[in-house]
Amino acid sequence: GLDVATAVVFRSTVTAIVIAVILIVQGVKLKFTARHKQM
């Protein structure tokens, strides 16, 4: 019964949260150039 889009939402959201926690714990700062913000 699960559909593809629902699976990607759950998978991507949880993975993003996990990576965000890693960034916070490791004290990584978000720095983007104008080119990065485009690409």
Full PDB file with SEQRES, HELIX, SHEET, SSBOND, CRYST1, ORIGX, SCALE, CONECT and MASTER records, all heavy atoms in Angstrom:
SEQRES   1 A   39  GLY LEU ASP VAL ALA THR ALA VAL VAL PHE ARG SER THR          
SEQRES   2 A   39  VAL THR ALA ILE VAL ILE ALA VAL ILE LEU ILE VAL GLN          
SEQRES   3 A   39  GLY VAL LYS LEU LYS PHE THR ALA ARG HIS LYS GLN MET          
HELIX    1 AA1 VAL A    4  VAL A   25  1                                  22    
HELIX    2 AA2 ALA A   34  GLN A   38  1                                   5    
CRYST1    1.000    1.000    1.000  90.00  90.00  90.00 P 1           1          
ORIGX1      1.000000  0.000000  0.000000        0.00000                         
ORIGX2      0.000000  1.000000  0.000000        0.00000                         
ORIGX3      0.000000  0.000000  1.000000        0.00000                         
SCALE1      1.000000  0.000000  0.000000        0.00000                         
SCALE2      0.000000  1.000000  0.000000        0.00000                         
SCALE3      0.000000  0.000000  1.000000        0.00000                         
ATOM      1  N   GLY A   1       0.752  -1.250   0.000  1.00  0.00           N  
ATOM      2  CA  GLY A   1       0.000   0.000   0.000  1.00  0.00           C  
ATOM      3  C   GLY A   1       0.777   1.291   0.000  1.00  0.00           C  
ATOM      4  O   GLY A   1       0.212   2.344  -0.317  1.00  0.00           O  
ATOM      5  N   LEU A   2       2.056   1.266   0.370  1.00  0.00           N  
ATOM      6  CA  LEU A   2       2.837   2.503   0.372  1.00  0.00           C  
ATOM      7  C   LEU A   2       3.096   2.948  -1.057  1.00  0.00           C  
ATOM      8  O   LEU A   2       3.327   2.111  -1.936  1.00  0.00           O  
ATOM      9  CB  LEU A   2       4.171   2.287   1.091  1.00  0.00           C  
ATOM     10  CG  LEU A   2       5.075   3.524   1.218  1.00  0.00           C  
ATOM     11  CD1 LEU A   2       4.491   4.512   2.218  1.00  0.00           C  
ATOM     12  CD2 LEU A   2       6.492   3.113   1.628  1.00  0.00           C  
ATOM     13  N   ASP A   3       3.066   4.265  -1.296  1.00  0.00           N  
ATOM     14  CA  ASP A   3       3.402   4.752  -2.625  1.00  0.00           C  
ATOM     15  C   ASP A   3       4.786   5.389  -2.610  1.00  0.00           C  
ATOM     16  O   ASP A   3       5.368   5.660  -1.555  1.00  0.00           O  
ATOM     17  CB  ASP A   3       2.340   5.729  -3.148  1.00  0.00           C  
ATOM     18  CG  ASP A   3       2.475   7.107  -2.551  1.00  0.00           C  
ATOM     19  OD1 ASP A   3       2.684   7.197  -1.330  1.00  0.00           O  
ATOM     20  OD2 ASP A   3       2.365   8.092  -3.295  1.00  0.00           O  
ATOM     21  N   VAL A   4       5.336   5.602  -3.799  1.00  0.00           N  
ATOM     22  CA  VAL A   4       6.717   6.045  -3.958  1.00  0.00           C  
ATOM     23  C   VAL A   4       6.962   7.403  -3.312  1.00  0.00           C  
ATOM     24  O   VAL A   4       7.929   7.596  -2.562  1.00  0.00           O  
ATOM     25  CB  VAL A   4       7.089   6.079  -5.455  1.00  0.00           C  
ATOM     26  CG1 VAL A   4       8.407   6.812  -5.668  1.00  0.00           C  
ATOM     27  CG2 VAL A   4       7.157   4.666  -6.016  1.00  0.00           C  
ATOM     28  N   ALA A   5       6.106   8.385  -3.594  1.00  0.00           N  
ATOM     29  CA  ALA A   5       6.318   9.733  -3.083  1.00  0.00           C  
ATOM     30  C   ALA A   5       6.301   9.765  -1.554  1.00  0.00           C  
ATOM     31  O   ALA A   5       7.121  10.447  -0.920  1.00  0.00           O  
ATOM     32  CB  ALA A   5       5.259  10.679  -3.643  1.00  0.00           C  
ATOM     33  N   THR A   6       5.381   9.035  -0.945  1.00  0.00           N  
ATOM     34  CA  THR A   6       5.321   8.985   0.512  1.00  0.00           C  
ATOM     35  C   THR A   6       6.609   8.393   1.078  1.00  0.00           C  
ATOM     36  O   THR A   6       7.149   8.889   2.078  1.00  0.00           O  
ATOM     37  CB  THR A   6       4.119   8.142   0.967  1.00  0.00           C  
ATOM     38  OG1 THR A   6       2.917   8.730   0.449  1.00  0.00           O  
ATOM     39  CG2 THR A   6       4.034   8.082   2.486  1.00  0.00           C  
ATOM     40  N   ALA A   7       7.124   7.346   0.439  1.00  0.00           N  
ATOM     41  CA  ALA A   7       8.369   6.735   0.893  1.00  0.00           C  
ATOM     42  C   ALA A   7       9.522   7.727   0.839  1.00  0.00           C  
ATOM     43  O   ALA A   7      10.330   7.821   1.775  1.00  0.00           O  
ATOM     44  CB  ALA A   7       8.696   5.514   0.031  1.00  0.00           C  
ATOM     45  N   VAL A   8       9.607   8.503  -0.249  1.00  0.00           N  
ATOM     46  CA  VAL A   8      10.704   9.457  -0.392  1.00  0.00           C  
ATOM     47  C   VAL A   8      10.582  10.582   0.638  1.00  0.00           C  
ATOM     48  O   VAL A   8      11.589  11.057   1.172  1.00  0.00           O  
ATOM     49  CB  VAL A   8      10.756  10.016  -1.826  1.00  0.00           C  
ATOM     50  CG1 VAL A   8      11.828  11.093  -1.945  1.00  0.00           C  
ATOM     51  CG2 VAL A   8      11.033   8.896  -2.828  1.00  0.00           C  
ATOM     52  N   VAL A   9       9.357  11.006   0.928  1.00  0.00           N  
ATOM     53  CA  VAL A   9       9.166  12.044   1.951  1.00  0.00           C  
ATOM     54  C   VAL A   9       9.703  11.570   3.295  1.00  0.00           C  
ATOM     55  O   VAL A   9      10.484  12.273   3.958  1.00  0.00           O  
ATOM     56  CB  VAL A   9       7.678  12.431   2.086  1.00  0.00           C  
ATOM     57  CG1 VAL A   9       7.465  13.302   3.327  1.00  0.00           C  
ATOM     58  CG2 VAL A   9       7.206  13.179   0.853  1.00  0.00           C  
ATOM     59  N   PHE A  10       9.291  10.382   3.729  1.00  0.00           N  
ATOM     60  CA  PHE A  10       9.742   9.856   5.019  1.00  0.00           C  
ATOM     61  C   PHE A  10      11.252   9.679   5.035  1.00  0.00           C  
ATOM     62  O   PHE A  10      11.934  10.091   5.981  1.00  0.00           O  
ATOM     63  CB  PHE A  10       9.049   8.520   5.309  1.00  0.00           C  
ATOM     64  CG  PHE A  10       7.696   8.662   5.938  1.00  0.00           C  
ATOM     65  CD1 PHE A  10       6.587   8.990   5.169  1.00  0.00           C  
ATOM     66  CD2 PHE A  10       7.519   8.477   7.297  1.00  0.00           C  
ATOM     67  CE1 PHE A  10       5.332   9.135   5.746  1.00  0.00           C  
ATOM     68  CE2 PHE A  10       6.270   8.613   7.882  1.00  0.00           C  
ATOM     69  CZ  PHE A  10       5.167   8.938   7.113  1.00  0.00           C  
ATOM     70  N   ARG A  11      11.796   9.035   3.997  1.00  0.00           N  
ATOM     71  CA  ARG A  11      13.221   8.739   3.955  1.00  0.00           C  
ATOM     72  C   ARG A  11      14.067  10.008   3.939  1.00  0.00           C  
ATOM     73  O   ARG A  11      15.034  10.146   4.695  1.00  0.00           O  
ATOM     74  CB  ARG A  11      13.530   7.908   2.708  1.00  0.00           C  
ATOM     75  CG  ARG A  11      14.944   7.401   2.622  1.00  0.00           C  
ATOM     76  CD  ARG A  11      15.310   7.036   1.200  1.00  0.00           C  
ATOM     77  NE  ARG A  11      15.488   8.223   0.371  1.00  0.00           N  
ATOM     78  CZ  ARG A  11      15.852   8.190  -0.906  1.00  0.00           C  
ATOM     79  NH1 ARG A  11      16.008   7.019  -1.512  1.00  0.00           N  
ATOM     80  NH2 ARG A  11      16.020   9.299  -1.594  1.00  0.00           N  
ATOM     81  N   SER A  12      13.696  10.954   3.080  1.00  0.00           N  
ATOM     82  CA  SER A  12      14.482  12.173   2.938  1.00  0.00           C  
ATOM     83  C   SER A  12      14.400  13.041   4.181  1.00  0.00           C  
ATOM     84  O   SER A  12      15.403  13.625   4.613  1.00  0.00           O  
ATOM     85  CB  SER A  12      13.999  12.968   1.714  1.00  0.00           C  
ATOM     86  OG  SER A  12      14.152  12.216   0.534  1.00  0.00           O  
ATOM     87  N   THR A  13      13.201  13.147   4.768  1.00  0.00           N  
ATOM     88  CA  THR A  13      13.033  13.987   5.948  1.00  0.00           C  
ATOM     89  C   THR A  13      13.842  13.462   7.127  1.00  0.00           C  
ATOM     90  O   THR A  13      14.561  14.223   7.793  1.00  0.00           O  
ATOM     91  CB  THR A  13      11.545  14.067   6.348  1.00  0.00           C  
ATOM     92  OG1 THR A  13      10.795  14.609   5.257  1.00  0.00           O  
ATOM     93  CG2 THR A  13      11.359  14.939   7.579  1.00  0.00           C  
ATOM     94  N   VAL A  14      13.753  12.173   7.372  1.00  0.00           N  
ATOM     95  CA  VAL A  14      14.495  11.590   8.498  1.00  0.00           C  
ATOM     96  C   VAL A  14      15.998  11.711   8.270  1.00  0.00           C  
ATOM     97  O   VAL A  14      16.750  12.066   9.186  1.00  0.00           O  
ATOM     98  CB  VAL A  14      14.087  10.119   8.713  1.00  0.00           C  
ATOM     99  CG1 VAL A  14      15.012   9.452   9.729  1.00  0.00           C  
ATOM    100  CG2 VAL A  14      12.643  10.044   9.189  1.00  0.00           C  
ATOM    101  N   THR A  15      16.445  11.449   7.049  1.00  0.00           N  
ATOM    102  CA  THR A  15      17.874  11.559   6.752  1.00  0.00           C  
ATOM    103  C   THR A  15      18.356  12.988   6.919  1.00  0.00           C  
ATOM    104  O   THR A  15      19.436  13.231   7.474  1.00  0.00           O  
ATOM    105  CB  THR A  15      18.174  11.065   5.326  1.00  0.00           C  
ATOM    106  OG1 THR A  15      17.709   9.721   5.182  1.00  0.00           O  
ATOM    107  CG2 THR A  15      19.664  11.119   5.035  1.00  0.00           C  
ATOM    108  N   ALA A  16      17.564  13.959   6.457  1.00  0.00           N  
ATOM    109  CA  ALA A  16      17.934  15.368   6.617  1.00  0.00           C  
ATOM    110  C   ALA A  16      18.043  15.737   8.090  1.00  0.00           C  
ATOM    111  O   ALA A  16      18.969  16.454   8.495  1.00  0.00           O  
ATOM    112  CB  ALA A  16      16.910  16.256   5.917  1.00  0.00           C  
ATOM    113  N   ILE A  17      17.124  15.243   8.909  1.00  0.00           N  
ATOM    114  CA  ILE A  17      17.170  15.525  10.343  1.00  0.00           C  
ATOM    115  C   ILE A  17      18.428  14.928  10.966  1.00  0.00           C  
ATOM    116  O   ILE A  17      19.116  15.576  11.779  1.00  0.00           O  
ATOM    117  CB  ILE A  17      15.908  14.983  11.045  1.00  0.00           C  
ATOM    118  CG1 ILE A  17      14.679  15.786  10.600  1.00  0.00           C  
ATOM    119  CG2 ILE A  17      16.055  15.037  12.563  1.00  0.00           C  
ATOM    120  CD1 ILE A  17      13.363  15.209  11.080  1.00  0.00           C  
ATOM    121  N   VAL A  18      18.745  13.690  10.584  1.00  0.00           N  
ATOM    122  CA  VAL A  18      19.948  13.033  11.116  1.00  0.00           C  
ATOM    123  C   VAL A  18      21.199  13.818  10.749  1.00  0.00           C  
ATOM    124  O   VAL A  18      22.066  14.078  11.597  1.00  0.00           O  
ATOM    125  CB  VAL A  18      20.048  11.583  10.585  1.00  0.00           C  
ATOM    126  CG1 VAL A  18      21.410  10.982  10.920  1.00  0.00           C  
ATOM    127  CG2 VAL A  18      18.941  10.727  11.179  1.00  0.00           C  
ATOM    128  N   ILE A  19      21.315  14.229   9.487  1.00  0.00           N  
ATOM    129  CA  ILE A  19      22.488  14.984   9.047  1.00  0.00           C  
ATOM    130  C   ILE A  19      22.537  16.351   9.738  1.00  0.00           C  
ATOM    131  O   ILE A  19      23.616  16.830  10.109  1.00  0.00           O  
ATOM    132  CB  ILE A  19      22.481  15.164   7.517  1.00  0.00           C  
ATOM    133  CG1 ILE A  19      22.514  13.795   6.825  1.00  0.00           C  
ATOM    134  CG2 ILE A  19      23.665  16.004   7.067  1.00  0.00           C  
ATOM    135  CD1 ILE A  19      23.727  12.954   7.160  1.00  0.00           C  
ATOM    136  N   ALA A  20      21.373  16.982   9.939  1.00  0.00           N  
ATOM    137  CA  ALA A  20      21.341  18.276  10.639  1.00  0.00           C  
ATOM    138  C   ALA A  20      21.858  18.135  12.060  1.00  0.00           C  
ATOM    139  O   ALA A  20      22.615  18.987  12.550  1.00  0.00           O  
ATOM    140  CB  ALA A  20      19.911  18.828  10.643  1.00  0.00           C  
ATOM    141  N   VAL A  21      21.466  17.060  12.729  1.00  0.00           N  
ATOM    142  CA  VAL A  21      21.959  16.815  14.091  1.00  0.00           C  
ATOM    143  C   VAL A  21      23.473  16.633  14.088  1.00  0.00           C  
ATOM    144  O   VAL A  21      24.185  17.157  14.950  1.00  0.00           O  
ATOM    145  CB  VAL A  21      21.263  15.580  14.700  1.00  0.00           C  
ATOM    146  CG1 VAL A  21      21.922  15.186  16.015  1.00  0.00           C  
ATOM    147  CG2 VAL A  21      19.788  15.865  14.916  1.00  0.00           C  
ATOM    148  N   ILE A  22      23.981  15.885  13.093  1.00  0.00           N  
ATOM    149  CA  ILE A  22      25.427  15.690  12.978  1.00  0.00           C  
ATOM    150  C   ILE A  22      26.141  17.031  12.808  1.00  0.00           C  
ATOM    151  O   ILE A  22      27.169  17.296  13.434  1.00  0.00           O  
ATOM    152  CB  ILE A  22      25.751  14.755  11.796  1.00  0.00           C  
ATOM    153  CG1 ILE A  22      25.266  13.332  12.093  1.00  0.00           C  
ATOM    154  CG2 ILE A  22      27.258  14.744  11.502  1.00  0.00           C  
ATOM    155  CD1 ILE A  22      25.425  12.380  10.925  1.00  0.00           C  
ATOM    156  N   LEU A  23      25.592  17.893  11.952  1.00  0.00           N  
ATOM    157  CA  LEU A  23      26.190  19.208  11.723  1.00  0.00           C  
ATOM    158  C   LEU A  23      26.218  20.039  13.005  1.00  0.00           C  
ATOM    159  O   LEU A  23      27.211  20.713  13.307  1.00  0.00           O  
ATOM    160  CB  LEU A  23      25.408  19.946  10.637  1.00  0.00           C  
ATOM    161  CG  LEU A  23      25.537  19.404   9.207  1.00  0.00           C  
ATOM    162  CD1 LEU A  23      24.601  20.142   8.277  1.00  0.00           C  
ATOM    163  CD2 LEU A  23      26.972  19.524   8.711  1.00  0.00           C  
ATOM    164  N   ILE A  24      25.121  19.977  13.756  1.00  0.00           N  
ATOM    165  CA  ILE A  24      25.049  20.748  15.010  1.00  0.00           C  
ATOM    166  C   ILE A  24      26.056  20.210  16.020  1.00  0.00           C  
ATOM    167  O   ILE A  24      26.797  20.977  16.657  1.00  0.00           O  
ATOM    168  CB  ILE A  24      23.617  20.698  15.583  1.00  0.00           C  
ATOM    169  CG1 ILE A  24      22.650  21.437  14.655  1.00  0.00           C  
ATOM    170  CG2 ILE A  24      23.582  21.305  16.984  1.00  0.00           C  
ATOM    171  CD1 ILE A  24      21.185  21.262  15.018  1.00  0.00           C  
ATOM    172  N   VAL A  25      26.093  18.894  16.187  1.00  0.00           N  
ATOM    173  CA  VAL A  25      27.008  18.280  17.160  1.00  0.00           C  
ATOM    174  C   VAL A  25      28.461  18.565  16.793  1.00  0.00           C  
ATOM    175  O   VAL A  25      29.294  18.839  17.668  1.00  0.00           O  
ATOM    176  CB  VAL A  25      26.757  16.755  17.229  1.00  0.00           C  
ATOM    177  CG1 VAL A  25      27.847  16.072  18.061  1.00  0.00           C  
ATOM    178  CG2 VAL A  25      25.387  16.478  17.835  1.00  0.00           C  
ATOM    179  N   GLN A  26      28.774  18.518  15.511  1.00  0.00           N  
ATOM    180  CA  GLN A  26      30.148  18.732  15.069  1.00  0.00           C  
ATOM    181  C   GLN A  26      30.477  20.206  14.859  1.00  0.00           C  
ATOM    182  O   GLN A  26      31.610  20.530  14.502  1.00  0.00           O  
ATOM    183  CB  GLN A  26      30.400  17.944  13.782  1.00  0.00           C  
ATOM    184  CG  GLN A  26      30.298  16.432  13.991  1.00  0.00           C  
ATOM    185  CD  GLN A  26      30.574  15.640  12.736  1.00  0.00           C  
ATOM    186  OE1 GLN A  26      30.621  16.183  11.625  1.00  0.00           O  
ATOM    187  NE2 GLN A  26      30.778  14.333  12.885  1.00  0.00           N  
ATOM    188  N   GLY A  27      29.520  21.068  15.083  1.00  0.00           N  
ATOM    189  CA  GLY A  27      29.758  22.504  15.000  1.00  0.00           C  
ATOM    190  C   GLY A  27      30.069  23.011  13.605  1.00  0.00           C  
ATOM    191  O   GLY A  27      30.822  23.978  13.444  1.00  0.00           O  
ATOM    192  N   VAL A  28      29.490  22.397  12.596  1.00  0.00           N  
ATOM    193  CA  VAL A  28      29.732  22.810  11.220  1.00  0.00           C  
ATOM    194  C   VAL A  28      28.854  24.002  10.873  1.00  0.00           C  
ATOM    195  O   VAL A  28      27.646  23.982  11.104  1.00  0.00           O  
ATOM    196  CB  VAL A  28      29.446  21.654  10.239  1.00  0.00           C  
ATOM    197  CG1 VAL A  28      29.670  22.097   8.801  1.00  0.00           C  
ATOM    198  CG2 VAL A  28      30.335  20.459  10.571  1.00  0.00           C  
ATOM    199  N   LYS A  29      29.459  25.039  10.321  1.00  0.00           N  
ATOM    200  CA  LYS A  29      28.721  26.236   9.956  1.00  0.00           C  
ATOM    201  C   LYS A  29      28.331  26.172   8.474  1.00  0.00           C  
ATOM    202  O   LYS A  29      29.081  25.673   7.646  1.00  0.00           O  
ATOM    203  CB  LYS A  29      29.559  27.482  10.226  1.00  0.00           C  
ATOM    204  CG  LYS A  29      29.864  27.708  11.706  1.00  0.00           C  
ATOM    205  CD  LYS A  29      30.651  28.982  11.916  1.00  0.00           C  
ATOM    206  CE  LYS A  29      30.939  29.212  13.398  1.00  0.00           C  
ATOM    207  NZ  LYS A  29      31.732  30.459  13.616  1.00  0.00           N  
ATOM    208  N   LEU A  30      27.141  26.688   8.191  1.00  0.00           N  
ATOM    209  CA  LEU A  30      26.653  26.711   6.803  1.00  0.00           C  
ATOM    210  C   LEU A  30      27.148  27.974   6.116  1.00  0.00           C  
ATOM    211  O   LEU A  30      26.815  29.087   6.517  1.00  0.00           O  
ATOM    212  CB  LEU A  30      25.124  26.657   6.784  1.00  0.00           C  
ATOM    213  CG  LEU A  30      24.473  25.486   7.515  1.00  0.00           C  
ATOM    214  CD1 LEU A  30      22.960  25.534   7.333  1.00  0.00           C  
ATOM    215  CD2 LEU A  30      25.014  24.155   7.022  1.00  0.00           C  
ATOM    216  N   LYS A  31      27.976  27.788   5.093  1.00  0.00           N  
ATOM    217  CA  LYS A  31      28.497  28.917   4.333  1.00  0.00           C  
ATOM    218  C   LYS A  31      28.305  28.640   2.849  1.00  0.00           C  
ATOM    219  O   LYS A  31      28.769  27.622   2.337  1.00  0.00           O  
ATOM    220  CB  LYS A  31      29.982  29.138   4.630  1.00  0.00           C  
ATOM    221  CG  LYS A  31      30.285  29.556   6.069  1.00  0.00           C  
ATOM    222  CD  LYS A  31      31.777  29.789   6.270  1.00  0.00           C  
ATOM    223  CE  LYS A  31      32.080  30.216   7.696  1.00  0.00           C  
ATOM    224  NZ  LYS A  31      33.535  30.432   7.912  1.00  0.00           N  
ATOM    225  N   PHE A  32      27.612  29.559   2.173  1.00  0.00           N  
ATOM    226  CA  PHE A  32      27.335  29.368   0.753  1.00  0.00           C  
ATOM    227  C   PHE A  32      27.731  30.612  -0.033  1.00  0.00           C  
ATOM    228  O   PHE A  32      27.481  31.740   0.404  1.00  0.00           O  
ATOM    229  CB  PHE A  32      25.848  29.101   0.519  1.00  0.00           C  
ATOM    230  CG  PHE A  32      25.310  27.906   1.259  1.00  0.00           C  
ATOM    231  CD1 PHE A  32      24.438  28.073   2.324  1.00  0.00           C  
ATOM    232  CD2 PHE A  32      25.672  26.623   0.895  1.00  0.00           C  
ATOM    233  CE1 PHE A  32      23.942  26.989   3.015  1.00  0.00           C  
ATOM    234  CE2 PHE A  32      25.177  25.523   1.569  1.00  0.00           C  
ATOM    235  CZ  PHE A  32      24.312  25.707   2.637  1.00  0.00           C  
ATOM    236  N   THR A  33      28.336  30.405  -1.184  1.00  0.00           N  
ATOM    237  CA  THR A  33      28.589  31.506  -2.105  1.00  0.00           C  
ATOM    238  C   THR A  33      27.338  31.721  -2.952  1.00  0.00           C  
ATOM    239  O   THR A  33      26.386  30.928  -2.909  1.00  0.00           O  
ATOM    240  CB  THR A  33      29.775  31.178  -3.027  1.00  0.00           C  
ATOM    241  OG1 THR A  33      29.414  30.068  -3.872  1.00  0.00           O  
ATOM    242  CG2 THR A  33      31.013  30.788  -2.223  1.00  0.00           C  
ATOM    243  N   ALA A  34      27.354  32.786  -3.728  1.00  0.00           N  
ATOM    244  CA  ALA A  34      26.216  33.055  -4.604  1.00  0.00           C  
ATOM    245  C   ALA A  34      26.023  31.906  -5.591  1.00  0.00           C  
ATOM    246  O   ALA A  34      24.894  31.519  -5.922  1.00  0.00           O  
ATOM    247  CB  ALA A  34      26.439  34.367  -5.354  1.00  0.00           C  
ATOM    248  N   ARG A  35      27.144  31.338  -6.061  1.00  0.00           N  
ATOM    249  CA  ARG A  35      27.065  30.219  -6.995  1.00  0.00           C  
ATOM    250  C   ARG A  35      26.434  29.005  -6.335  1.00  0.00           C  
ATOM    251  O   ARG A  35      25.609  28.301  -6.934  1.00  0.00           O  
ATOM    252  CB  ARG A  35      28.469  29.862  -7.496  1.00  0.00           C  
ATOM    253  CG  ARG A  35      28.490  28.814  -8.620  1.00  0.00           C  
ATOM    254  CD  ARG A  35      27.809  29.351  -9.843  1.00  0.00           C  
ATOM    255  NE  ARG A  35      27.942  28.441 -10.986  1.00  0.00           N  
ATOM    256  CZ  ARG A  35      27.273  28.595 -12.109  1.00  0.00           C  
ATOM    257  NH1 ARG A  35      26.412  29.600 -12.243  1.00  0.00           N  
ATOM    258  NH2 ARG A  35      27.434  27.746 -13.103  1.00  0.00           N  
ATOM    259  N   HIS A  36      26.815  28.754  -5.084  1.00  0.00           N  
ATOM    260  CA  HIS A  36      26.238  27.630  -4.353  1.00  0.00           C  
ATOM    261  C   HIS A  36      24.730  27.794  -4.198  1.00  0.00           C  
ATOM    262  O   HIS A  36      23.972  26.822  -4.332  1.00  0.00           O  
ATOM    263  CB  HIS A  36      26.874  27.509  -2.964  1.00  0.00           C  
ATOM    264  CG  HIS A  36      28.334  27.187  -2.995  1.00  0.00           C  
ATOM    265  ND1 HIS A  36      29.191  27.486  -1.965  1.00  0.00           N  
ATOM    266  CD2 HIS A  36      29.101  26.583  -3.957  1.00  0.00           C  
ATOM    267  CE1 HIS A  36      30.399  27.079  -2.264  1.00  0.00           C  
ATOM    268  NE2 HIS A  36      30.376  26.537  -3.469  1.00  0.00           N  
ATOM    269  N   LYS A  37      24.301  29.014  -3.917  1.00  0.00           N  
ATOM    270  CA  LYS A  37      22.873  29.270  -3.708  1.00  0.00           C  
ATOM    271  C   LYS A  37      22.077  29.047  -4.991  1.00  0.00           C  
ATOM    272  O   LYS A  37      20.878  28.764  -4.940  1.00  0.00           O  
ATOM    273  CB  LYS A  37      22.665  30.701  -3.199  1.00  0.00           C  
ATOM    274  CG  LYS A  37      23.215  30.924  -1.787  1.00  0.00           C  
ATOM    275  CD  LYS A  37      23.053  32.374  -1.347  1.00  0.00           C  
ATOM    276  CE  LYS A  37      23.626  32.586   0.049  1.00  0.00           C  
ATOM    277  NZ  LYS A  37      23.519  34.008   0.478  1.00  0.00           N  
ATOM    278  N   GLN A  38      22.746  29.172  -6.135  1.00  0.00           N  
ATOM    279  CA  GLN A  38      22.078  28.912  -7.410  1.00  0.00           C  
ATOM    280  C   GLN A  38      22.040  27.417  -7.735  1.00  0.00           C  
ATOM    281  O   GLN A  38      21.027  26.893  -8.205  1.00  0.00           O  
ATOM    282  CB  GLN A  38      22.808  29.648  -8.539  1.00  0.00           C  
ATOM    283  CG  GLN A  38      22.661  31.165  -8.498  1.00  0.00           C  
ATOM    284  CD  GLN A  38      23.435  31.829  -9.621  1.00  0.00           C  
ATOM    285  OE1 GLN A  38      24.326  31.236 -10.220  1.00  0.00           O  
ATOM    286  NE2 GLN A  38      23.112  33.078  -9.914  1.00  0.00           N  
ATOM    287  N   MET A  39      23.171  26.742  -7.477  1.00  0.00           N  
ATOM    288  CA  MET A  39      23.314  25.366  -7.958  1.00  0.00           C  
ATOM    289  C   MET A  39      22.805  24.310  -6.981  1.00  0.00           C  
ATOM    290  O   MET A  39      22.301  23.267  -7.424  1.00  0.00           O  
ATOM    291  CB  MET A  39      24.787  25.089  -8.281  1.00  0.00           C  
ATOM    292  CG  MET A  39      25.355  25.975  -9.376  1.00  0.00           C  
ATOM    293  SD  MET A  39      24.334  26.017 -10.893  1.00  0.00           S  
ATOM    294  CE  MET A  39      24.326  24.288 -11.357  1.00  0.00           C  
TER     295      MET A  39                                                      
MASTER        0    0    0    2    0    0    0    6  294    1    0    3          
END                                                                             
